[in-house]
Amino acid sequence: MRALLIVDHGSRRPEAHEHLEGIAALVRELEPGIRVYAAHMELAEPSIHSAVDRAVADGVTEIWVHPLFLVPGLHLSEDIPRLVESAATRHAGIEVHVTEPIGQLPDIARLILQTVGR
């Protein structure tokens, strides 16, 4: 079974967590056949480790991790892959993949323009 794990930086502000959960809910609506989990890289729960643990407990064997970051900075190129790998090694047979950042997708320009009043 496949799953999507959406990861943000994490915040001490509860409304930031609500925003991530809202994004996860929107993805679930668009793709009801895939399990969608949310996690924070640091500062808040659920962590990447606990989200991977939960997914595995739910029967997931393949996890696509989407960091909710625009550009490939240090967190995206080093921290998140390291945390994902560490979480995955605790579960035999789990397959994990980390997606590219949104900022590298061609449609990013359209999304930016949607925020501009017309």
PDB file of N, CA and C in Angstrom:
ATOM      1  N   MET A   1       0.846  -1.177   0.000  1.00  0.00           N
ATOM      2  CA  MET A   1       0.000   0.000   0.000  1.00  0.00           C
ATOM      3  C   MET A   1       0.893   1.242   0.000  1.00  0.00           C
ATOM      4  N   ARG A   2       0.511   2.220  -0.817  1.00  0.00           N
ATOM      5  CA  ARG A   2       1.260   3.473  -0.925  1.00  0.00           C
ATOM      6  C   ARG A   2       0.663   4.559  -0.051  1.00  0.00           C
ATOM      7  N   ALA A   3       1.549   5.478   0.335  1.00  0.00           N
ATOM      8  CA  ALA A   3       1.106   6.630   1.114  1.00  0.00           C
ATOM      9  C   ALA A   3       1.915   7.851   0.723  1.00  0.00           C
ATOM     10  N   LEU A   4       1.362   9.000   1.026  1.00  0.00           N
ATOM     11  CA  LEU A   4       2.036  10.277   0.843  1.00  0.00           C
ATOM     12  C   LEU A   4       2.216  10.899   2.220  1.00  0.00           C
ATOM     13  N   LEU A   5       3.425  11.314   2.516  1.00  0.00           N
ATOM     14  CA  LEU A   5       3.731  12.003   3.763  1.00  0.00           C
ATOM     15  C   LEU A   5       4.154  13.420   3.407  1.00  0.00           C
ATOM     16  N   ILE A   6       3.349  14.401   3.802  1.00  0.00           N
ATOM     17  CA  ILE A   6       3.655  15.801   3.533  1.00  0.00           C
ATOM     18  C   ILE A   6       4.359  16.357   4.768  1.00  0.00           C
ATOM     19  N   VAL A   7       5.548  16.913   4.555  1.00  0.00           N
ATOM     20  CA  VAL A   7       6.391  17.378   5.660  1.00  0.00           C
ATOM     21  C   VAL A   7       6.633  18.873   5.540  1.00  0.00           C
ATOM     22  N   ASP A   8       6.384  19.594   6.627  1.00  0.00           N
ATOM     23  CA  ASP A   8       6.769  21.001   6.665  1.00  0.00           C
ATOM     24  C   ASP A   8       7.902  21.172   7.672  1.00  0.00           C
ATOM     25  N   HIS A   9       8.335  22.388   7.856  1.00  0.00           N
ATOM     26  CA  HIS A   9       9.438  22.648   8.770  1.00  0.00           C
ATOM     27  C   HIS A   9       9.056  22.348  10.205  1.00  0.00           C
ATOM     28  N   GLY A  10       7.868  22.769  10.582  1.00  0.00           N
ATOM     29  CA  GLY A  10       7.438  22.691  11.974  1.00  0.00           C
ATOM     30  C   GLY A  10       7.477  24.080  12.576  1.00  0.00           C
ATOM     31  N   SER A  11       6.622  24.310  13.524  1.00  0.00           N
ATOM     32  CA  SER A  11       6.496  25.632  14.108  1.00  0.00           C
ATOM     33  C   SER A  11       6.034  25.505  15.553  1.00  0.00           C
ATOM     34  N   ARG A  12       6.257  26.546  16.309  1.00  0.00           N
ATOM     35  CA  ARG A  12       5.707  26.597  17.661  1.00  0.00           C
ATOM     36  C   ARG A  12       4.286  27.158  17.656  1.00  0.00           C
ATOM     37  N   ARG A  13       3.822  27.606  16.486  1.00  0.00           N
ATOM     38  CA  ARG A  13       2.496  28.205  16.358  1.00  0.00           C
ATOM     39  C   ARG A  13       1.476  27.159  15.908  1.00  0.00           C
ATOM     40  N   PRO A  14       0.463  26.896  16.701  1.00  0.00           N
ATOM     41  CA  PRO A  14      -0.539  25.874  16.353  1.00  0.00           C
ATOM     42  C   PRO A  14      -1.226  26.119  15.008  1.00  0.00           C
ATOM     43  N   GLU A  15      -1.428  27.380  14.631  1.00  0.00           N
ATOM     44  CA  GLU A  15      -2.104  27.641  13.352  1.00  0.00           C
ATOM     45  C   GLU A  15      -1.290  27.151  12.160  1.00  0.00           C
ATOM     46  N   ALA A  16       0.024  27.068  12.310  1.00  0.00           N
ATOM     47  CA  ALA A  16       0.862  26.511  11.242  1.00  0.00           C
ATOM     48  C   ALA A  16       0.565  25.028  11.079  1.00  0.00           C
ATOM     49  N   HIS A  17       0.353  24.331  12.174  1.00  0.00           N
ATOM     50  CA  HIS A  17       0.035  22.907  12.109  1.00  0.00           C
ATOM     51  C   HIS A  17      -1.327  22.699  11.469  1.00  0.00           C
ATOM     52  N   GLU A  18      -2.263  23.578  11.787  1.00  0.00           N
ATOM     53  CA  GLU A  18      -3.594  23.493  11.191  1.00  0.00           C
ATOM     54  C   GLU A  18      -3.519  23.677   9.674  1.00  0.00           C
ATOM     55  N   HIS A  19      -2.625  24.547   9.227  1.00  0.00           N
ATOM     56  CA  HIS A  19      -2.455  24.774   7.794  1.00  0.00           C
ATOM     57  C   HIS A  19      -1.965  23.501   7.107  1.00  0.00           C
ATOM     58  N   LEU A  20      -0.984  22.840   7.687  1.00  0.00           N
ATOM     59  CA  LEU A  20      -0.470  21.597   7.105  1.00  0.00           C
ATOM     60  C   LEU A  20      -1.553  20.529   7.068  1.00  0.00           C
ATOM     61  N   GLU A  21      -2.308  20.400   8.140  1.00  0.00           N
ATOM     62  CA  GLU A  21      -3.394  19.418   8.156  1.00  0.00           C
ATOM     63  C   GLU A  21      -4.440  19.753   7.097  1.00  0.00           C
ATOM     64  N   GLY A  22      -4.684  21.046   6.873  1.00  0.00           N
ATOM     65  CA  GLY A  22      -5.620  21.458   5.826  1.00  0.00           C
ATOM     66  C   GLY A  22      -5.142  21.061   4.438  1.00  0.00           C
ATOM     67  N   ILE A  23      -3.863  21.220   4.191  1.00  0.00           N
ATOM     68  CA  ILE A  23      -3.294  20.798   2.901  1.00  0.00           C
ATOM     69  C   ILE A  23      -3.430  19.289   2.745  1.00  0.00           C
ATOM     70  N   ALA A  24      -3.124  18.546   3.801  1.00  0.00           N
ATOM     71  CA  ALA A  24      -3.259  17.088   3.737  1.00  0.00           C
ATOM     72  C   ALA A  24      -4.710  16.693   3.443  1.00  0.00           C
ATOM     73  N   ALA A  25      -5.656  17.390   4.044  1.00  0.00           N
ATOM     74  CA  ALA A  25      -7.068  17.098   3.797  1.00  0.00           C
ATOM     75  C   ALA A  25      -7.446  17.373   2.339  1.00  0.00           C
ATOM     76  N   LEU A  26      -6.938  18.452   1.770  1.00  0.00           N
ATOM     77  CA  LEU A  26      -7.211  18.759   0.360  1.00  0.00           C
ATOM     78  C   LEU A  26      -6.662  17.668  -0.550  1.00  0.00           C
ATOM     79  N   VAL A  27      -5.470  17.179  -0.245  1.00  0.00           N
ATOM     80  CA  VAL A  27      -4.873  16.107  -1.050  1.00  0.00           C
ATOM     81  C   VAL A  27      -5.712  14.834  -0.920  1.00  0.00           C
ATOM     82  N   ARG A  28      -6.163  14.538   0.279  1.00  0.00           N
ATOM     83  CA  ARG A  28      -7.025  13.358   0.484  1.00  0.00           C
ATOM     84  C   ARG A  28      -8.299  13.458  -0.363  1.00  0.00           C
ATOM     85  N   GLU A  29      -8.873  14.652  -0.441  1.00  0.00           N
ATOM     86  CA  GLU A  29     -10.079  14.849  -1.249  1.00  0.00           C
ATOM     87  C   GLU A  29      -9.809  14.611  -2.729  1.00  0.00           C
ATOM     88  N   LEU A  30      -8.667  15.096  -3.205  1.00  0.00           N
ATOM     89  CA  LEU A  30      -8.322  14.940  -4.612  1.00  0.00           C
ATOM     90  C   LEU A  30      -7.946  13.515  -4.978  1.00  0.00           C
ATOM     91  N   GLU A  31      -7.372  12.791  -4.039  1.00  0.00           N
ATOM     92  CA  GLU A  31      -6.882  11.441  -4.304  1.00  0.00           C
ATOM     93  C   GLU A  31      -7.284  10.511  -3.156  1.00  0.00           C
ATOM     94  N   PRO A  32      -8.569  10.135  -3.099  1.00  0.00           N
ATOM     95  CA  PRO A  32      -9.043   9.346  -1.961  1.00  0.00           C
ATOM     96  C   PRO A  32      -8.440   7.945  -1.870  1.00  0.00           C
ATOM     97  N   GLY A  33      -7.797   7.463  -2.914  1.00  0.00           N
ATOM     98  CA  GLY A  33      -7.227   6.119  -2.898  1.00  0.00           C
ATOM     99  C   GLY A  33      -5.860   6.021  -2.242  1.00  0.00           C
ATOM    100  N   ILE A  34      -5.290   7.150  -1.825  1.00  0.00           N
ATOM    101  CA  ILE A  34      -3.963   7.114  -1.216  1.00  0.00           C
ATOM    102  C   ILE A  34      -4.058   7.622   0.225  1.00  0.00           C
ATOM    103  N   ARG A  35      -3.344   6.982   1.096  1.00  0.00           N
ATOM    104  CA  ARG A  35      -3.285   7.461   2.484  1.00  0.00           C
ATOM    105  C   ARG A  35      -2.375   8.674   2.529  1.00  0.00           C
ATOM    106  N   VAL A  36      -2.799   9.700   3.228  1.00  0.00           N
ATOM    107  CA  VAL A  36      -2.023  10.937   3.323  1.00  0.00           C
ATOM    108  C   VAL A  36      -1.777  11.242   4.793  1.00  0.00           C
ATOM    109  N   TYR A  37      -0.506  11.464   5.113  1.00  0.00           N
ATOM    110  CA  TYR A  37      -0.096  11.784   6.475  1.00  0.00           C
ATOM    111  C   TYR A  37       0.612  13.135   6.455  1.00  0.00           C
ATOM    112  N   ALA A  38       0.640  13.789   7.595  1.00  0.00           N
ATOM    113  CA  ALA A  38       1.345  15.062   7.736  1.00  0.00           C
ATOM    114  C   ALA A  38       2.355  14.923   8.866  1.00  0.00           C
ATOM    115  N   ALA A  39       3.516  15.588   8.695  1.00  0.00           N
ATOM    116  CA  ALA A  39       4.551  15.544   9.733  1.00  0.00           C
ATOM    117  C   ALA A  39       5.361  16.834   9.686  1.00  0.00           C
ATOM    118  N   HIS A  40       6.082  17.054  10.767  1.00  0.00           N
ATOM    119  CA  HIS A  40       6.927  18.234  10.889  1.00  0.00           C
ATOM    120  C   HIS A  40       8.383  17.796  11.023  1.00  0.00           C
ATOM    121  N   MET A  41       9.271  18.519  10.338  1.00  0.00           N
ATOM    122  CA  MET A  41      10.683  18.194  10.400  1.00  0.00           C
ATOM    123  C   MET A  41      11.226  18.383  11.811  1.00  0.00           C
ATOM    124  N   GLU A  42      10.758  19.431  12.492  1.00  0.00           N
ATOM    125  CA  GLU A  42      11.202  19.699  13.859  1.00  0.00           C
ATOM    126  C   GLU A  42      10.178  20.578  14.569  1.00  0.00           C
ATOM    127  N   LEU A  43      10.363  20.774  15.830  1.00  0.00           N
ATOM    128  CA  LEU A  43       9.600  21.691  16.676  1.00  0.00           C
ATOM    129  C   LEU A  43       8.189  21.240  17.037  1.00  0.00           C
ATOM    130  N   ALA A  44       7.647  20.217  16.412  1.00  0.00           N
ATOM    131  CA  ALA A  44       6.264  19.830  16.692  1.00  0.00           C
ATOM    132  C   ALA A  44       6.035  18.371  16.325  1.00  0.00           C
ATOM    133  N   GLU A  45       4.973  17.838  16.863  1.00  0.00           N
ATOM    134  CA  GLU A  45       4.538  16.477  16.529  1.00  0.00           C
ATOM    135  C   GLU A  45       3.326  16.559  15.604  1.00  0.00           C
ATOM    136  N   PRO A  46       3.144  15.586  14.756  1.00  0.00           N
ATOM    137  CA  PRO A  46       3.936  14.378  14.633  1.00  0.00           C
ATOM    138  C   PRO A  46       5.243  14.645  13.897  1.00  0.00           C
ATOM    139  N   SER A  47       6.279  13.970  14.339  1.00  0.00           N
ATOM    140  CA  SER A  47       7.580  14.043  13.675  1.00  0.00           C
ATOM    141  C   SER A  47       7.572  13.113  12.461  1.00  0.00           C
ATOM    142  N   ILE A  48       8.609  13.195  11.664  1.00  0.00           N
ATOM    143  CA  ILE A  48       8.741  12.274  10.529  1.00  0.00           C
ATOM    144  C   ILE A  48       8.775  10.838  11.036  1.00  0.00           C
ATOM    145  N   HIS A  49       9.547  10.592  12.096  1.00  0.00           N
ATOM    146  CA  HIS A  49       9.629   9.234  12.648  1.00  0.00           C
ATOM    147  C   HIS A  49       8.254   8.712  13.075  1.00  0.00           C
ATOM    148  N   SER A  50       7.503   9.526  13.806  1.00  0.00           N
ATOM    149  CA  SER A  50       6.208   9.033  14.295  1.00  0.00           C
ATOM    150  C   SER A  50       5.208   8.872  13.154  1.00  0.00           C
ATOM    151  N   ALA A  51       5.269   9.726  12.141  1.00  0.00           N
ATOM    152  CA  ALA A  51       4.367   9.584  10.994  1.00  0.00           C
ATOM    153  C   ALA A  51       4.690   8.321  10.197  1.00  0.00           C
ATOM    154  N   VAL A  52       5.974   8.031  10.010  1.00  0.00           N
ATOM    155  CA  VAL A  52       6.362   6.792   9.322  1.00  0.00           C
ATOM    156  C   VAL A  52       5.915   5.588  10.147  1.00  0.00           C
ATOM    157  N   ASP A  53       6.126   5.624  11.449  1.00  0.00           N
ATOM    158  CA  ASP A  53       5.671   4.535  12.320  1.00  0.00           C
ATOM    159  C   ASP A  53       4.172   4.300  12.167  1.00  0.00           C
ATOM    160  N   ARG A  54       3.420   5.391  12.148  1.00  0.00           N
ATOM    161  CA  ARG A  54       1.953   5.279  12.023  1.00  0.00           C
ATOM    162  C   ARG A  54       1.562   4.685  10.671  1.00  0.00           C
ATOM    163  N   ALA A  55       2.223   5.151   9.609  1.00  0.00           N
ATOM    164  CA  ALA A  55       1.927   4.633   8.268  1.00  0.00           C
ATOM    165  C   ALA A  55       2.205   3.134   8.188  1.00  0.00           C
ATOM    166  N   VAL A  56       3.332   2.721   8.723  1.00  0.00           N
ATOM    167  CA  VAL A  56       3.681   1.295   8.707  1.00  0.00           C
ATOM    168  C   VAL A  56       2.657   0.502   9.520  1.00  0.00           C
ATOM    169  N   ALA A  57       2.255   1.029  10.660  1.00  0.00           N
ATOM    170  CA  ALA A  57       1.231   0.363  11.473  1.00  0.00           C
ATOM    171  C   ALA A  57      -0.089   0.234  10.718  1.00  0.00           C
ATOM    172  N   ASP A  58      -0.346   1.165   9.794  1.00  0.00           N
ATOM    173  CA  ASP A  58      -1.561   1.124   8.976  1.00  0.00           C
ATOM    174  C   ASP A  58      -1.426   0.195   7.768  1.00  0.00           C
ATOM    175  N   GLY A  59      -0.261  -0.443   7.616  1.00  0.00           N
ATOM    176  CA  GLY A  59      -0.064  -1.380   6.513  1.00  0.00           C
ATOM    177  C   GLY A  59       0.622  -0.810   5.295  1.00  0.00           C
ATOM    178  N   VAL A  60       1.114   0.410   5.385  1.00  0.00           N
ATOM    179  CA  VAL A  60       1.793   1.045   4.258  1.00  0.00           C
ATOM    180  C   VAL A  60       3.168   0.404   4.050  1.00  0.00           C
ATOM    181  N   THR A  61       3.521   0.168   2.786  1.00  0.00           N
ATOM    182  CA  THR A  61       4.831  -0.410   2.467  1.00  0.00           C
ATOM    183  C   THR A  61       5.674   0.514   1.588  1.00  0.00           C
ATOM    184  N   GLU A  62       5.047   1.546   1.037  1.00  0.00           N
ATOM    185  CA  GLU A  62       5.763   2.508   0.195  1.00  0.00           C
ATOM    186  C   GLU A  62       5.296   3.914   0.556  1.00  0.00           C
ATOM    187  N   ILE A  63       6.263   4.778   0.877  1.00  0.00           N
ATOM    188  CA  ILE A  63       5.921   6.142   1.290  1.00  0.00           C
ATOM    189  C   ILE A  63       6.630   7.133   0.382  1.00  0.00           C
ATOM    190  N   TRP A  64       5.839   8.021  -0.197  1.00  0.00           N
ATOM    191  CA  TRP A  64       6.380   9.154  -0.946  1.00  0.00           C
ATOM    192  C   TRP A  64       6.343  10.345   0.002  1.00  0.00           C
ATOM    193  N   VAL A  65       7.499  10.918   0.252  1.00  0.00           N
ATOM    194  CA  VAL A  65       7.615  12.041   1.176  1.00  0.00           C
ATOM    195  C   VAL A  65       7.703  13.319   0.360  1.00  0.00           C
ATOM    196  N   HIS A  66       6.749  14.207   0.591  1.00  0.00           N
ATOM    197  CA  HIS A  66       6.770  15.499  -0.110  1.00  0.00           C
ATOM    198  C   HIS A  66       7.082  16.610   0.887  1.00  0.00           C
ATOM    199  N   PRO A  67       8.315  17.129   0.836  1.00  0.00           N
ATOM    200  CA  PRO A  67       8.640  18.280   1.684  1.00  0.00           C
ATOM    201  C   PRO A  67       7.923  19.517   1.159  1.00  0.00           C
ATOM    202  N   LEU A  68       7.187  20.177   2.011  1.00  0.00           N
ATOM    203  CA  LEU A  68       6.430  21.363   1.629  1.00  0.00           C
ATOM    204  C   LEU A  68       7.356  22.578   1.702  1.00  0.00           C
ATOM    205  N   PHE A  69       8.343  22.571   0.837  1.00  0.00           N
ATOM    206  CA  PHE A  69       9.358  23.617   0.740  1.00  0.00           C
ATOM    207  C   PHE A  69       9.421  24.039  -0.718  1.00  0.00           C
ATOM    208  N   LEU A  70       9.759  25.290  -0.969  1.00  0.00           N
ATOM    209  CA  LEU A  70       9.821  25.766  -2.348  1.00  0.00           C
ATOM    210  C   LEU A  70      11.155  25.490  -3.023  1.00  0.00           C
ATOM    211  N   VAL A  71      12.236  25.661  -2.314  1.00  0.00           N
ATOM    212  CA  VAL A  71      13.557  25.560  -2.945  1.00  0.00           C
ATOM    213  C   VAL A  71      14.420  24.524  -2.222  1.00  0.00           C
ATOM    214  N   PRO A  72      15.384  23.948  -2.948  1.00  0.00           N
ATOM    215  CA  PRO A  72      16.216  22.884  -2.371  1.00  0.00           C
ATOM    216  C   PRO A  72      17.342  23.414  -1.489  1.00  0.00           C
ATOM    217  N   GLY A  73      16.986  23.933  -0.326  1.00  0.00           N
ATOM    218  CA  GLY A  73      17.982  24.398   0.633  1.00  0.00           C
ATOM    219  C   GLY A  73      18.498  23.245   1.477  1.00  0.00           C
ATOM    220  N   LEU A  74      19.169  23.569   2.556  1.00  0.00           N
ATOM    221  CA  LEU A  74      19.794  22.578   3.425  1.00  0.00           C
ATOM    222  C   LEU A  74      18.788  21.585   4.007  1.00  0.00           C
ATOM    223  N   HIS A  75      17.643  22.072   4.459  1.00  0.00           N
ATOM    224  CA  HIS A  75      16.652  21.156   5.031  1.00  0.00           C
ATOM    225  C   HIS A  75      16.195  20.129   4.001  1.00  0.00           C
ATOM    226  N   LEU A  76      15.977  20.583   2.775  1.00  0.00           N
ATOM    227  CA  LEU A  76      15.474  19.675   1.743  1.00  0.00           C
ATOM    228  C   LEU A  76      16.567  18.751   1.212  1.00  0.00           C
ATOM    229  N   SER A  77      17.753  19.271   1.044  1.00  0.00           N
ATOM    230  CA  SER A  77      18.810  18.444   0.447  1.00  0.00           C
ATOM    231  C   SER A  77      19.495  17.526   1.447  1.00  0.00           C
ATOM    232  N   GLU A  78      19.474  17.870   2.741  1.00  0.00           N
ATOM    233  CA  GLU A  78      20.180  17.043   3.717  1.00  0.00           C
ATOM    234  C   GLU A  78      19.299  16.571   4.872  1.00  0.00           C
ATOM    235  N   ASP A  79      18.658  17.497   5.559  1.00  0.00           N
ATOM    236  CA  ASP A  79      17.962  17.150   6.801  1.00  0.00           C
ATOM    237  C   ASP A  79      16.790  16.189   6.590  1.00  0.00           C
ATOM    238  N   ILE A  80      15.900  16.518   5.689  1.00  0.00           N
ATOM    239  CA  ILE A  80      14.723  15.678   5.497  1.00  0.00           C
ATOM    240  C   ILE A  80      15.102  14.296   4.954  1.00  0.00           C
ATOM    241  N   PRO A  81      15.952  14.197   3.924  1.00  0.00           N
ATOM    242  CA  PRO A  81      16.346  12.844   3.494  1.00  0.00           C
ATOM    243  C   PRO A  81      16.990  12.024   4.618  1.00  0.00           C
ATOM    244  N   ARG A  82      17.783  12.659   5.451  1.00  0.00           N
ATOM    245  CA  ARG A  82      18.417  11.943   6.568  1.00  0.00           C
ATOM    246  C   ARG A  82      17.364  11.459   7.562  1.00  0.00           C
ATOM    247  N   LEU A  83      16.412  12.314   7.919  1.00  0.00           N
ATOM    248  CA  LEU A  83      15.357  11.930   8.854  1.00  0.00           C
ATOM    249  C   LEU A  83      14.452  10.829   8.281  1.00  0.00           C
ATOM    250  N   VAL A  84      14.138  10.940   6.993  1.00  0.00           N
ATOM    251  CA  VAL A  84      13.300   9.936   6.337  1.00  0.00           C
ATOM    252  C   VAL A  84      14.016   8.590   6.321  1.00  0.00           C
ATOM    253  N   GLU A  85      15.283   8.590   5.966  1.00  0.00           N
ATOM    254  CA  GLU A  85      16.055   7.350   5.927  1.00  0.00           C
ATOM    255  C   GLU A  85      16.158   6.729   7.324  1.00  0.00           C
ATOM    256  N   SER A  86      16.396   7.561   8.320  1.00  0.00           N
ATOM    257  CA  SER A  86      16.473   7.079   9.697  1.00  0.00           C
ATOM    258  C   SER A  86      15.156   6.444  10.127  1.00  0.00           C
ATOM    259  N   ALA A  87      14.040   7.079   9.774  1.00  0.00           N
ATOM    260  CA  ALA A  87      12.724   6.537  10.128  1.00  0.00           C
ATOM    261  C   ALA A  87      12.455   5.230   9.391  1.00  0.00           C
ATOM    262  N   ALA A  88      12.856   5.158   8.135  1.00  0.00           N
ATOM    263  CA  ALA A  88      12.592   3.967   7.321  1.00  0.00           C
ATOM    264  C   ALA A  88      13.418   2.771   7.773  1.00  0.00           C
ATOM    265  N   THR A  89      14.634   3.002   8.235  1.00  0.00           N
ATOM    266  CA  THR A  89      15.489   1.878   8.623  1.00  0.00           C
ATOM    267  C   THR A  89      14.950   1.134   9.838  1.00  0.00           C
ATOM    268  N   ARG A  90      14.009   1.733  10.538  1.00  0.00           N
ATOM    269  CA  ARG A  90      13.396   1.076  11.699  1.00  0.00           C
ATOM    270  C   ARG A  90      12.350   0.047  11.281  1.00  0.00           C
ATOM    271  N   HIS A  91      12.047  -0.015   9.965  1.00  0.00           N
ATOM    272  CA  HIS A  91      10.993  -0.904   9.472  1.00  0.00           C
ATOM    273  C   HIS A  91      11.508  -1.683   8.257  1.00  0.00           C
ATOM    274  N   ALA A  92      11.679  -2.973   8.420  1.00  0.00           N
ATOM    275  CA  ALA A  92      12.151  -3.809   7.316  1.00  0.00           C
ATOM    276  C   ALA A  92      11.139  -3.795   6.175  1.00  0.00           C
ATOM    277  N   GLY A  93      11.638  -3.657   4.968  1.00  0.00           N
ATOM    278  CA  GLY A  93      10.790  -3.757   3.792  1.00  0.00           C
ATOM    279  C   GLY A  93      10.062  -2.492   3.388  1.00  0.00           C
ATOM    280  N   ILE A  94      10.201  -1.424   4.141  1.00  0.00           N
ATOM    281  CA  ILE A  94       9.516  -0.181   3.769  1.00  0.00           C
ATOM    282  C   ILE A  94      10.333   0.528   2.689  1.00  0.00           C
ATOM    283  N   GLU A  95       9.653   1.047   1.700  1.00  0.00           N
ATOM    284  CA  GLU A  95      10.299   1.770   0.609  1.00  0.00           C
ATOM    285  C   GLU A  95       9.918   3.240   0.719  1.00  0.00           C
ATOM    286  N   VAL A  96      10.914   4.132   0.683  1.00  0.00           N
ATOM    287  CA  VAL A  96      10.641   5.564   0.794  1.00  0.00           C
ATOM    288  C   VAL A  96      11.266   6.321  -0.367  1.00  0.00           C
ATOM    289  N   HIS A  97      10.600   7.400  -0.758  1.00  0.00           N
ATOM    290  CA  HIS A  97      11.064   8.281  -1.827  1.00  0.00           C
ATOM    291  C   HIS A  97      10.817   9.708  -1.358  1.00  0.00           C
ATOM    292  N   VAL A  98      11.723  10.618  -1.672  1.00  0.00           N
ATOM    293  CA  VAL A  98      11.541  12.038  -1.351  1.00  0.00           C
ATOM    294  C   VAL A  98      11.342  12.769  -2.673  1.00  0.00           C
ATOM    295  N   THR A  99      10.255  13.536  -2.778  1.00  0.00           N
ATOM    296  CA  THR A  99       9.945  14.245  -4.017  1.00  0.00           C
ATOM    297  C   THR A  99      10.768  15.532  -4.149  1.00  0.00           C
ATOM    298  N   GLU A 100      10.707  16.109  -5.316  1.00  0.00           N
ATOM    299  CA  GLU A 100      11.355  17.386  -5.585  1.00  0.00           C
ATOM    300  C   GLU A 100      10.542  18.514  -4.941  1.00  0.00           C
ATOM    301  N   PRO A 101      11.176  19.647  -4.662  1.00  0.00           N
ATOM    302  CA  PRO A 101      10.426  20.774  -4.094  1.00  0.00           C
ATOM    303  C   PRO A 101       9.473  21.383  -5.118  1.00  0.00           C
ATOM    304  N   ILE A 102       8.413  21.961  -4.622  1.00  0.00           N
ATOM    305  CA  ILE A 102       7.403  22.578  -5.481  1.00  0.00           C
ATOM    306  C   ILE A 102       8.012  23.651  -6.383  1.00  0.00           C
ATOM    307  N   GLY A 103       8.981  24.371  -5.887  1.00  0.00           N
ATOM    308  CA  GLY A 103       9.584  25.458  -6.649  1.00  0.00           C
ATOM    309  C   GLY A 103      10.243  25.036  -7.938  1.00  0.00           C
ATOM    310  N   GLN A 104      10.490  23.742  -8.117  1.00  0.00           N
ATOM    311  CA  GLN A 104      11.105  23.269  -9.350  1.00  0.00           C
ATOM    312  C   GLN A 104      10.085  22.772 -10.369  1.00  0.00           C
ATOM    313  N   LEU A 105       8.799  22.859 -10.033  1.00  0.00           N
ATOM    314  CA  LEU A 105       7.762  22.408 -10.951  1.00  0.00           C
ATOM    315  C   LEU A 105       7.366  23.539 -11.894  1.00  0.00           C
ATOM    316  N   PRO A 106       7.113  23.221 -13.164  1.00  0.00           N
ATOM    317  CA  PRO A 106       6.769  24.265 -14.141  1.00  0.00           C
ATOM    318  C   PRO A 106       5.529  25.071 -13.780  1.00  0.00           C
ATOM    319  N   ASP A 107       4.573  24.477 -13.091  1.00  0.00           N
ATOM    320  CA  ASP A 107       3.330  25.177 -12.760  1.00  0.00           C
ATOM    321  C   ASP A 107       3.465  26.167 -11.612  1.00  0.00           C
ATOM    322  N   ILE A 108       4.648  26.307 -11.037  1.00  0.00           N
ATOM    323  CA  ILE A 108       4.829  27.234  -9.922  1.00  0.00           C
ATOM    324  C   ILE A 108       4.472  28.669 -10.339  1.00  0.00           C
ATOM    325  N   ALA A 109       4.783  29.036 -11.571  1.00  0.00           N
ATOM    326  CA  ALA A 109       4.464  30.383 -12.051  1.00  0.00           C
ATOM    327  C   ALA A 109       2.957  30.625 -12.054  1.00  0.00           C
ATOM    328  N   ARG A 110       2.177  29.637 -12.478  1.00  0.00           N
ATOM    329  CA  ARG A 110       0.717  29.763 -12.480  1.00  0.00           C
ATOM    330  C   ARG A 110       0.192  29.933 -11.059  1.00  0.00           C
ATOM    331  N   LEU A 111       0.743  29.159 -10.124  1.00  0.00           N
ATOM    332  CA  LEU A 111       0.296  29.272  -8.735  1.00  0.00           C
ATOM    333  C   LEU A 111       0.607  30.657  -8.173  1.00  0.00           C
ATOM    334  N   ILE A 112       1.765  31.176  -8.492  1.00  0.00           N
ATOM    335  CA  ILE A 112       2.134  32.525  -8.024  1.00  0.00           C
ATOM    336  C   ILE A 112       1.168  33.547  -8.603  1.00  0.00           C
ATOM    337  N   LEU A 113       0.874  33.424  -9.884  1.00  0.00           N
ATOM    338  CA  LEU A 113      -0.039  34.385 -10.514  1.00  0.00           C
ATOM    339  C   LEU A 113      -1.450  34.309  -9.939  1.00  0.00           C
ATOM    340  N   GLN A 114      -1.849  33.149  -9.423  1.00  0.00           N
ATOM    341  CA  GLN A 114      -3.175  33.026  -8.813  1.00  0.00           C
ATOM    342  C   GLN A 114      -3.294  33.866  -7.546  1.00  0.00           C
ATOM    343  N   THR A 115      -2.177  34.220  -6.950  1.00  0.00           N
ATOM    344  CA  THR A 115      -2.227  35.018  -5.726  1.00  0.00           C
ATOM    345  C   THR A 115      -2.324  36.511  -6.004  1.00  0.00           C
ATOM    346  N   VAL A 116      -2.162  36.882  -7.264  1.00  0.00           N
ATOM    347  CA  VAL A 116      -2.173  38.304  -7.647  1.00  0.00           C
ATOM    348  C   VAL A 116      -3.603  38.728  -7.980  1.00  0.00           C
ATOM    349  N   GLY A 117      -4.063  39.800  -7.379  1.00  0.00           N
ATOM    350  CA  GLY A 117      -5.394  40.312  -7.675  1.00  0.00           C
ATOM    351  C   GLY A 117      -5.491  40.749  -9.123  1.00  0.00           C
ATOM    352  N   ARG A 118      -6.612  40.459  -9.734  1.00  0.00           N
ATOM    353  CA  ARG A 118      -6.783  40.825 -11.152  1.00  0.00           C
ATOM    354  C   ARG A 118      -7.952  41.760 -11.302  1.00  0.00           C
TER     355      ARG A 118
END
